[in-house]
Amino acid sequence: MKRPLLVALLTIATGVGGCGTVSDEKHDPTIAEAILQLTRAVDETLRTSDVQGGRRGERRPWPCDLEGHHAVSYSYDVDSTNPEAVVKRALAYWTARGVRVVDDSSGRSIHPSVTLAGELFELGIYAFPERGQVWIAGNTVCLAGEVPEGWRDVR
């Protein structure tokens, strides 16, 4: 008599456990997710680089011709004592994290740069040694969804 009760309890426990499984269905990414990924990438690049002084940030719309879709750009012009090193450090940092390299011109003598691609954004780091500056700029891909409150002025 104890055995049927044990079997019943195991059956119930297995059934309940199955309710919490994750679906294999993928959702379509939204512009809010892309903006979050982009801002994290730009901000992380700033944190891991030798940048100094006043940061002049800019947020702008990015071309997107699909009805109900949006794209934005996010960038900073920053001062650096070694702009070339910022580009090389950013390249090493992001490739170690699996971000795809689109263009590696980090060894170029005039205006070294690198362009990287995340899942929902593209990121460029451009050195201007003659000015002692670096431009860290990115844009999202064109996506549907609600633009986050703090970004609505950019649309």
N, C-alpha and C. Protein backbone atom coordinates (compact mmCIF):
# COMPACT_ATOMS: atom_id res chain seq x y z
N MET A 1 0.81 -1.19 0.00
CA MET A 1 0.00 0.00 0.00
C MET A 1 0.86 1.26 0.00
N LYS A 2 2.02 1.16 0.55
CA LYS A 2 2.91 2.31 0.56
C LYS A 2 3.45 2.61 -0.84
N ARG A 3 3.61 1.58 -1.65
CA ARG A 3 4.18 1.75 -2.97
C ARG A 3 3.29 2.62 -3.89
N PRO A 4 1.99 2.38 -3.98
CA PRO A 4 1.16 3.23 -4.84
C PRO A 4 1.20 4.70 -4.40
N LEU A 5 1.27 4.95 -3.11
CA LEU A 5 1.35 6.32 -2.61
C LEU A 5 2.67 6.97 -3.05
N LEU A 6 3.75 6.22 -2.97
CA LEU A 6 5.06 6.72 -3.38
C LEU A 6 5.06 7.02 -4.89
N VAL A 7 4.49 6.13 -5.67
CA VAL A 7 4.42 6.34 -7.12
C VAL A 7 3.58 7.58 -7.42
N ALA A 8 2.48 7.75 -6.72
CA ALA A 8 1.62 8.92 -6.93
C ALA A 8 2.37 10.20 -6.58
N LEU A 9 3.08 10.22 -5.47
CA LEU A 9 3.84 11.42 -5.07
C LEU A 9 4.94 11.74 -6.08
N LEU A 10 5.64 10.73 -6.57
CA LEU A 10 6.68 10.94 -7.57
C LEU A 10 6.09 11.47 -8.87
N THR A 11 4.95 10.97 -9.26
CA THR A 11 4.28 11.42 -10.48
C THR A 11 3.89 12.89 -10.34
N ILE A 12 3.33 13.26 -9.20
CA ILE A 12 2.93 14.66 -8.97
C ILE A 12 4.16 15.55 -8.96
N ALA A 13 5.22 15.14 -8.27
CA ALA A 13 6.45 15.94 -8.18
C ALA A 13 7.06 16.13 -9.57
N THR A 14 7.07 15.08 -10.37
CA THR A 14 7.62 15.18 -11.72
C THR A 14 6.77 16.12 -12.56
N GLY A 15 5.48 16.04 -12.44
CA GLY A 15 4.58 16.92 -13.20
C GLY A 15 4.74 18.36 -12.81
N VAL A 16 4.85 18.64 -11.53
CA VAL A 16 5.03 20.01 -11.05
C VAL A 16 6.37 20.55 -11.52
N GLY A 17 7.40 19.72 -11.45
CA GLY A 17 8.73 20.15 -11.90
C GLY A 17 8.73 20.50 -13.37
N GLY A 18 7.96 19.81 -14.15
CA GLY A 18 7.89 20.07 -15.59
C GLY A 18 7.25 21.39 -15.92
N CYS A 19 6.41 21.92 -15.03
CA CYS A 19 5.74 23.19 -15.29
C CYS A 19 6.72 24.35 -15.30
N GLY A 20 7.85 24.20 -14.65
CA GLY A 20 8.80 25.30 -14.56
C GLY A 20 9.85 25.29 -15.65
N THR A 21 9.74 24.42 -16.64
CA THR A 21 10.76 24.36 -17.68
C THR A 21 10.67 25.58 -18.58
N VAL A 22 11.80 25.91 -19.16
CA VAL A 22 11.89 27.08 -20.03
C VAL A 22 11.54 26.66 -21.45
N SER A 23 10.78 27.49 -22.11
CA SER A 23 10.38 27.22 -23.48
C SER A 23 11.56 27.46 -24.42
N ASP A 24 11.61 26.70 -25.49
CA ASP A 24 12.65 26.89 -26.49
C ASP A 24 12.31 28.02 -27.47
N GLU A 25 11.11 28.58 -27.34
CA GLU A 25 10.71 29.65 -28.22
C GLU A 25 11.56 30.89 -27.96
N LYS A 26 12.01 31.51 -29.04
CA LYS A 26 12.78 32.75 -28.92
C LYS A 26 11.87 33.92 -29.21
N HIS A 27 12.06 35.00 -28.46
CA HIS A 27 11.26 36.19 -28.72
C HIS A 27 12.05 37.13 -29.62
N ASP A 28 11.33 37.98 -30.30
CA ASP A 28 11.99 38.98 -31.13
C ASP A 28 12.57 40.06 -30.22
N PRO A 29 13.82 40.45 -30.43
CA PRO A 29 14.42 41.49 -29.59
C PRO A 29 13.71 42.82 -29.82
N THR A 30 13.75 43.67 -28.82
CA THR A 30 13.10 44.97 -28.90
C THR A 30 14.14 46.08 -28.90
N ILE A 31 13.71 47.26 -29.27
CA ILE A 31 14.60 48.42 -29.27
C ILE A 31 15.08 48.71 -27.85
N ALA A 32 14.25 48.46 -26.85
CA ALA A 32 14.67 48.69 -25.46
C ALA A 32 15.85 47.78 -25.10
N GLU A 33 15.81 46.52 -25.53
CA GLU A 33 16.92 45.60 -25.26
C GLU A 33 18.18 46.06 -25.99
N ALA A 34 18.02 46.52 -27.23
CA ALA A 34 19.17 46.98 -28.01
C ALA A 34 19.80 48.21 -27.37
N ILE A 35 18.98 49.15 -26.91
CA ILE A 35 19.51 50.34 -26.26
C ILE A 35 20.27 49.96 -24.99
N LEU A 36 19.73 49.04 -24.22
CA LEU A 36 20.41 48.58 -23.01
C LEU A 36 21.77 47.96 -23.36
N GLN A 37 21.81 47.09 -24.36
CA GLN A 37 23.08 46.47 -24.76
C GLN A 37 24.06 47.51 -25.25
N LEU A 38 23.59 48.46 -26.06
CA LEU A 38 24.47 49.50 -26.60
C LEU A 38 25.04 50.38 -25.50
N THR A 39 24.20 50.87 -24.61
CA THR A 39 24.69 51.76 -23.56
C THR A 39 25.66 51.03 -22.64
N ARG A 40 25.39 49.77 -22.35
CA ARG A 40 26.33 48.99 -21.54
C ARG A 40 27.68 48.85 -22.23
N ALA A 41 27.66 48.59 -23.53
CA ALA A 41 28.91 48.42 -24.28
C ALA A 41 29.72 49.71 -24.33
N VAL A 42 29.06 50.83 -24.61
CA VAL A 42 29.77 52.12 -24.65
C VAL A 42 30.29 52.47 -23.26
N ASP A 43 29.45 52.35 -22.25
CA ASP A 43 29.86 52.69 -20.89
C ASP A 43 30.98 51.77 -20.39
N GLU A 44 30.92 50.49 -20.73
CA GLU A 44 31.97 49.55 -20.33
C GLU A 44 33.28 49.89 -21.04
N THR A 45 33.20 50.30 -22.28
CA THR A 45 34.41 50.71 -23.01
C THR A 45 35.02 51.93 -22.35
N LEU A 46 34.20 52.87 -21.94
CA LEU A 46 34.71 54.05 -21.22
C LEU A 46 35.39 53.65 -19.91
N ARG A 47 34.77 52.75 -19.17
CA ARG A 47 35.32 52.33 -17.87
C ARG A 47 36.64 51.60 -18.00
N THR A 48 36.82 50.86 -19.07
CA THR A 48 38.03 50.05 -19.21
C THR A 48 39.11 50.75 -20.02
N SER A 49 38.93 52.00 -20.35
CA SER A 49 39.89 52.73 -21.18
C SER A 49 40.57 53.84 -20.40
N ASP A 50 41.69 54.29 -20.94
CA ASP A 50 42.43 55.42 -20.37
C ASP A 50 41.83 56.70 -20.93
N VAL A 51 40.67 57.06 -20.43
CA VAL A 51 40.04 58.29 -20.89
C VAL A 51 39.98 59.27 -19.73
N GLN A 52 40.06 60.54 -20.07
CA GLN A 52 40.14 61.57 -19.05
C GLN A 52 39.31 62.77 -19.45
N GLY A 53 39.24 63.70 -18.52
CA GLY A 53 38.64 64.99 -18.80
C GLY A 53 37.16 64.94 -19.07
N GLY A 54 36.70 66.04 -19.67
CA GLY A 54 35.28 66.17 -19.95
C GLY A 54 34.81 65.19 -21.00
N ARG A 55 33.73 64.56 -20.67
CA ARG A 55 33.10 63.64 -21.62
C ARG A 55 31.92 64.35 -22.26
N ARG A 56 31.93 64.36 -23.57
CA ARG A 56 30.84 65.00 -24.29
C ARG A 56 30.02 63.91 -24.98
N GLY A 57 28.94 63.52 -24.32
CA GLY A 57 28.11 62.44 -24.85
C GLY A 57 27.02 62.96 -25.76
N GLU A 58 26.58 62.08 -26.64
CA GLU A 58 25.54 62.45 -27.58
C GLU A 58 24.64 61.24 -27.87
N ARG A 59 23.35 61.50 -27.91
CA ARG A 59 22.36 60.47 -28.29
C ARG A 59 21.58 61.03 -29.46
N ARG A 60 21.43 60.20 -30.49
CA ARG A 60 20.73 60.66 -31.69
C ARG A 60 19.91 59.52 -32.29
N PRO A 61 18.94 59.89 -33.11
CA PRO A 61 18.26 58.84 -33.87
C PRO A 61 19.24 58.24 -34.88
N TRP A 62 19.04 57.00 -35.24
CA TRP A 62 19.85 56.34 -36.26
C TRP A 62 18.89 55.97 -37.39
N PRO A 63 19.30 56.06 -38.65
CA PRO A 63 18.37 55.78 -39.76
C PRO A 63 17.69 54.41 -39.64
N CYS A 64 16.38 54.45 -39.76
CA CYS A 64 15.57 53.23 -39.69
C CYS A 64 14.30 53.52 -40.49
N ASP A 65 14.15 52.87 -41.61
CA ASP A 65 13.04 53.17 -42.51
C ASP A 65 11.85 52.23 -42.38
N LEU A 66 11.83 51.41 -41.34
CA LEU A 66 10.72 50.48 -41.15
C LEU A 66 9.66 51.11 -40.25
N GLU A 67 8.43 51.08 -40.69
CA GLU A 67 7.31 51.62 -39.92
C GLU A 67 7.23 50.94 -38.55
N GLY A 68 7.15 51.73 -37.49
CA GLY A 68 7.03 51.19 -36.14
C GLY A 68 8.32 50.67 -35.54
N HIS A 69 9.42 50.90 -36.22
CA HIS A 69 10.73 50.47 -35.74
C HIS A 69 11.59 51.69 -35.42
N HIS A 70 12.60 51.49 -34.58
CA HIS A 70 13.47 52.59 -34.18
C HIS A 70 14.91 52.09 -34.12
N ALA A 71 15.84 53.05 -34.22
CA ALA A 71 17.26 52.79 -34.00
C ALA A 71 17.86 54.08 -33.45
N VAL A 72 18.88 53.94 -32.61
CA VAL A 72 19.51 55.11 -32.01
C VAL A 72 21.03 54.96 -32.05
N SER A 73 21.71 56.09 -31.90
CA SER A 73 23.16 56.06 -31.74
C SER A 73 23.50 56.68 -30.39
N TYR A 74 24.64 56.28 -29.87
CA TYR A 74 25.10 56.73 -28.55
C TYR A 74 26.61 56.84 -28.64
N SER A 75 27.16 58.01 -28.32
CA SER A 75 28.60 58.19 -28.49
C SER A 75 29.18 59.17 -27.49
N TYR A 76 30.49 59.08 -27.35
CA TYR A 76 31.25 59.98 -26.50
C TYR A 76 32.54 60.37 -27.20
N ASP A 77 32.89 61.65 -27.15
CA ASP A 77 34.22 62.14 -27.48
C ASP A 77 34.94 62.29 -26.15
N VAL A 78 36.09 61.63 -26.01
CA VAL A 78 36.81 61.66 -24.73
C VAL A 78 38.28 61.96 -24.97
N ASP A 79 38.89 62.57 -23.97
CA ASP A 79 40.32 62.85 -24.02
C ASP A 79 41.09 61.63 -23.54
N SER A 80 42.29 61.45 -24.10
CA SER A 80 43.13 60.33 -23.70
C SER A 80 44.59 60.70 -23.92
N THR A 81 45.45 60.23 -23.03
CA THR A 81 46.88 60.46 -23.21
C THR A 81 47.46 59.51 -24.25
N ASN A 82 46.74 58.42 -24.55
CA ASN A 82 47.21 57.44 -25.53
C ASN A 82 46.02 56.86 -26.29
N PRO A 83 45.48 57.62 -27.24
CA PRO A 83 44.29 57.17 -27.97
C PRO A 83 44.48 55.83 -28.69
N GLU A 84 45.67 55.59 -29.24
CA GLU A 84 45.92 54.33 -29.94
C GLU A 84 45.76 53.15 -29.00
N ALA A 85 46.24 53.30 -27.77
CA ALA A 85 46.13 52.22 -26.78
C ALA A 85 44.68 51.96 -26.40
N VAL A 86 43.85 53.00 -26.38
CA VAL A 86 42.43 52.82 -26.06
C VAL A 86 41.78 51.91 -27.10
N VAL A 87 42.10 52.13 -28.37
CA VAL A 87 41.54 51.30 -29.44
C VAL A 87 41.99 49.85 -29.27
N LYS A 88 43.27 49.65 -29.05
CA LYS A 88 43.80 48.28 -28.91
C LYS A 88 43.25 47.60 -27.65
N ARG A 89 43.13 48.34 -26.56
CA ARG A 89 42.59 47.78 -25.33
C ARG A 89 41.13 47.39 -25.51
N ALA A 90 40.36 48.24 -26.17
CA ALA A 90 38.94 47.94 -26.42
C ALA A 90 38.80 46.71 -27.31
N LEU A 91 39.64 46.61 -28.32
CA LEU A 91 39.61 45.44 -29.20
C LEU A 91 39.87 44.16 -28.41
N ALA A 92 40.91 44.17 -27.59
CA ALA A 92 41.24 42.98 -26.79
C ALA A 92 40.13 42.67 -25.78
N TYR A 93 39.60 43.70 -25.15
CA TYR A 93 38.56 43.53 -24.13
C TYR A 93 37.31 42.87 -24.73
N TRP A 94 36.83 43.40 -25.86
CA TRP A 94 35.58 42.92 -26.43
C TRP A 94 35.74 41.60 -27.16
N THR A 95 36.86 41.36 -27.81
CA THR A 95 37.03 40.07 -28.47
C THR A 95 37.17 38.95 -27.44
N ALA A 96 37.75 39.25 -26.28
CA ALA A 96 37.83 38.25 -25.21
C ALA A 96 36.44 37.88 -24.70
N ARG A 97 35.46 38.74 -24.94
CA ARG A 97 34.09 38.50 -24.50
C ARG A 97 33.21 38.00 -25.65
N GLY A 98 33.82 37.67 -26.76
CA GLY A 98 33.08 37.07 -27.86
C GLY A 98 32.39 38.02 -28.80
N VAL A 99 32.66 39.31 -28.69
CA VAL A 99 32.05 40.27 -29.61
C VAL A 99 32.79 40.17 -30.96
N ARG A 100 32.02 40.14 -32.02
CA ARG A 100 32.59 39.95 -33.37
C ARG A 100 33.29 41.21 -33.88
N VAL A 101 34.46 41.02 -34.49
CA VAL A 101 35.21 42.12 -35.09
C VAL A 101 34.74 42.29 -36.53
N VAL A 102 34.27 43.49 -36.85
CA VAL A 102 33.82 43.81 -38.21
C VAL A 102 34.99 44.40 -39.00
N ASP A 103 35.75 45.29 -38.35
CA ASP A 103 36.90 45.92 -39.00
C ASP A 103 37.96 46.18 -37.94
N ASP A 104 39.16 45.71 -38.19
CA ASP A 104 40.28 45.96 -37.28
C ASP A 104 41.32 46.80 -38.00
N SER A 105 41.30 48.09 -37.75
CA SER A 105 42.29 49.02 -38.28
C SER A 105 43.09 49.60 -37.12
N SER A 106 43.23 48.81 -36.07
CA SER A 106 43.92 49.29 -34.86
C SER A 106 45.41 49.49 -35.09
N GLY A 107 45.99 48.88 -36.11
CA GLY A 107 47.41 49.04 -36.39
C GLY A 107 47.71 50.17 -37.36
N ARG A 108 46.70 50.84 -37.83
CA ARG A 108 46.88 51.93 -38.78
C ARG A 108 47.59 53.10 -38.09
N SER A 109 48.51 53.75 -38.80
CA SER A 109 49.27 54.85 -38.18
C SER A 109 48.45 56.14 -38.06
N ILE A 110 47.52 56.35 -38.97
CA ILE A 110 46.68 57.54 -38.91
C ILE A 110 45.26 57.10 -38.56
N HIS A 111 44.76 57.61 -37.48
CA HIS A 111 43.40 57.33 -37.00
C HIS A 111 43.09 55.84 -36.89
N PRO A 112 43.80 55.14 -36.01
CA PRO A 112 43.47 53.73 -35.79
C PRO A 112 42.04 53.60 -35.28
N SER A 113 41.40 52.49 -35.66
CA SER A 113 40.02 52.29 -35.25
C SER A 113 39.70 50.81 -35.24
N VAL A 114 38.59 50.50 -34.63
CA VAL A 114 38.06 49.14 -34.64
C VAL A 114 36.54 49.24 -34.63
N THR A 115 35.90 48.36 -35.38
CA THR A 115 34.44 48.28 -35.39
C THR A 115 34.05 46.88 -34.96
N LEU A 116 33.15 46.80 -33.98
CA LEU A 116 32.72 45.54 -33.39
C LEU A 116 31.21 45.41 -33.52
N ALA A 117 30.72 44.18 -33.53
CA ALA A 117 29.28 43.96 -33.65
C ALA A 117 28.79 43.04 -32.54
N GLY A 118 27.86 43.55 -31.74
CA GLY A 118 27.17 42.74 -30.76
C GLY A 118 25.92 42.16 -31.40
N GLU A 119 25.11 41.54 -30.60
CA GLU A 119 23.89 40.94 -31.12
C GLU A 119 22.93 41.99 -31.68
N LEU A 120 22.79 43.11 -30.96
CA LEU A 120 21.80 44.12 -31.33
C LEU A 120 22.40 45.50 -31.58
N PHE A 121 23.72 45.59 -31.68
CA PHE A 121 24.36 46.89 -31.86
C PHE A 121 25.69 46.74 -32.59
N GLU A 122 26.19 47.88 -33.05
CA GLU A 122 27.54 47.95 -33.61
C GLU A 122 28.27 49.03 -32.82
N LEU A 123 29.55 48.82 -32.55
CA LEU A 123 30.35 49.71 -31.73
C LEU A 123 31.65 50.03 -32.43
N GLY A 124 32.00 51.31 -32.49
CA GLY A 124 33.26 51.73 -33.09
C GLY A 124 34.08 52.53 -32.10
N ILE A 125 35.39 52.30 -32.11
CA ILE A 125 36.31 53.07 -31.28
C ILE A 125 37.34 53.66 -32.23
N TYR A 126 37.43 54.99 -32.28
CA TYR A 126 38.24 55.71 -33.25
C TYR A 126 39.22 56.62 -32.52
N ALA A 127 40.52 56.48 -32.83
CA ALA A 127 41.56 57.29 -32.17
C ALA A 127 41.93 58.49 -33.03
N PHE A 128 42.12 59.62 -32.37
CA PHE A 128 42.60 60.84 -33.01
C PHE A 128 43.82 61.31 -32.21
N PRO A 129 44.98 60.68 -32.45
CA PRO A 129 46.19 60.98 -31.67
C PRO A 129 46.61 62.44 -31.73
N GLU A 130 46.43 63.07 -32.88
CA GLU A 130 46.85 64.47 -33.02
C GLU A 130 46.06 65.40 -32.11
N ARG A 131 44.86 65.00 -31.72
CA ARG A 131 44.02 65.79 -30.81
C ARG A 131 44.02 65.24 -29.40
N GLY A 132 44.59 64.04 -29.21
CA GLY A 132 44.55 63.40 -27.90
C GLY A 132 43.13 63.00 -27.52
N GLN A 133 42.36 62.50 -28.50
CA GLN A 133 40.97 62.15 -28.27
C GLN A 133 40.61 60.79 -28.86
N VAL A 134 39.54 60.25 -28.32
CA VAL A 134 38.96 59.00 -28.82
C VAL A 134 37.46 59.23 -28.97
N TRP A 135 36.91 58.70 -30.03
CA TRP A 135 35.46 58.74 -30.22
C TRP A 135 34.97 57.32 -30.07
N ILE A 136 34.12 57.10 -29.09
CA ILE A 136 33.50 55.80 -28.83
C ILE A 136 32.05 55.95 -29.23
N ALA A 137 31.65 55.23 -30.28
CA ALA A 137 30.32 55.45 -30.85
C ALA A 137 29.69 54.13 -31.24
N GLY A 138 28.39 54.07 -31.05
CA GLY A 138 27.67 52.87 -31.45
C GLY A 138 26.26 53.19 -31.88
N ASN A 139 25.64 52.21 -32.51
CA ASN A 139 24.24 52.34 -32.89
C ASN A 139 23.54 51.00 -32.75
N THR A 140 22.25 51.07 -32.51
CA THR A 140 21.46 49.85 -32.43
C THR A 140 21.04 49.44 -33.83
N VAL A 141 20.57 48.22 -33.94
CA VAL A 141 19.92 47.81 -35.18
C VAL A 141 18.49 48.34 -35.13
N CYS A 142 17.80 48.31 -36.23
CA CYS A 142 16.44 48.81 -36.35
C CYS A 142 15.47 47.76 -35.81
N LEU A 143 14.75 48.11 -34.73
CA LEU A 143 13.87 47.15 -34.07
C LEU A 143 12.54 47.77 -33.67
N ALA A 144 11.56 46.92 -33.52
CA ALA A 144 10.25 47.35 -33.04
C ALA A 144 10.28 47.40 -31.52
N GLY A 145 9.21 47.91 -30.97
CA GLY A 145 9.07 47.96 -29.52
C GLY A 145 9.01 49.39 -29.01
N GLU A 146 8.70 49.48 -27.74
CA GLU A 146 8.57 50.77 -27.07
C GLU A 146 9.95 51.33 -26.76
N VAL A 147 10.19 52.58 -27.16
CA VAL A 147 11.44 53.26 -26.81
C VAL A 147 11.37 53.61 -25.33
N PRO A 148 12.41 53.27 -24.56
CA PRO A 148 12.38 53.55 -23.12
C PRO A 148 12.18 55.05 -22.83
N GLU A 149 11.53 55.34 -21.73
CA GLU A 149 11.19 56.70 -21.33
C GLU A 149 12.36 57.67 -21.48
N GLY A 150 13.52 57.32 -20.98
CA GLY A 150 14.68 58.20 -21.02
C GLY A 150 15.27 58.45 -22.40
N TRP A 151 14.78 57.74 -23.40
CA TRP A 151 15.28 57.86 -24.75
C TRP A 151 14.23 58.41 -25.73
N ARG A 152 13.07 58.75 -25.26
CA ARG A 152 11.98 59.16 -26.16
C ARG A 152 12.28 60.47 -26.88
N ASP A 153 13.12 61.31 -26.31
CA ASP A 153 13.48 62.57 -26.97
C ASP A 153 14.38 62.33 -28.18
N VAL A 154 14.93 61.13 -28.32
CA VAL A 154 15.85 60.82 -29.40
C VAL A 154 15.14 60.37 -30.66
N ARG A 155 13.90 59.92 -30.53
CA ARG A 155 13.16 59.35 -31.69
C ARG A 155 13.13 60.27 -32.84
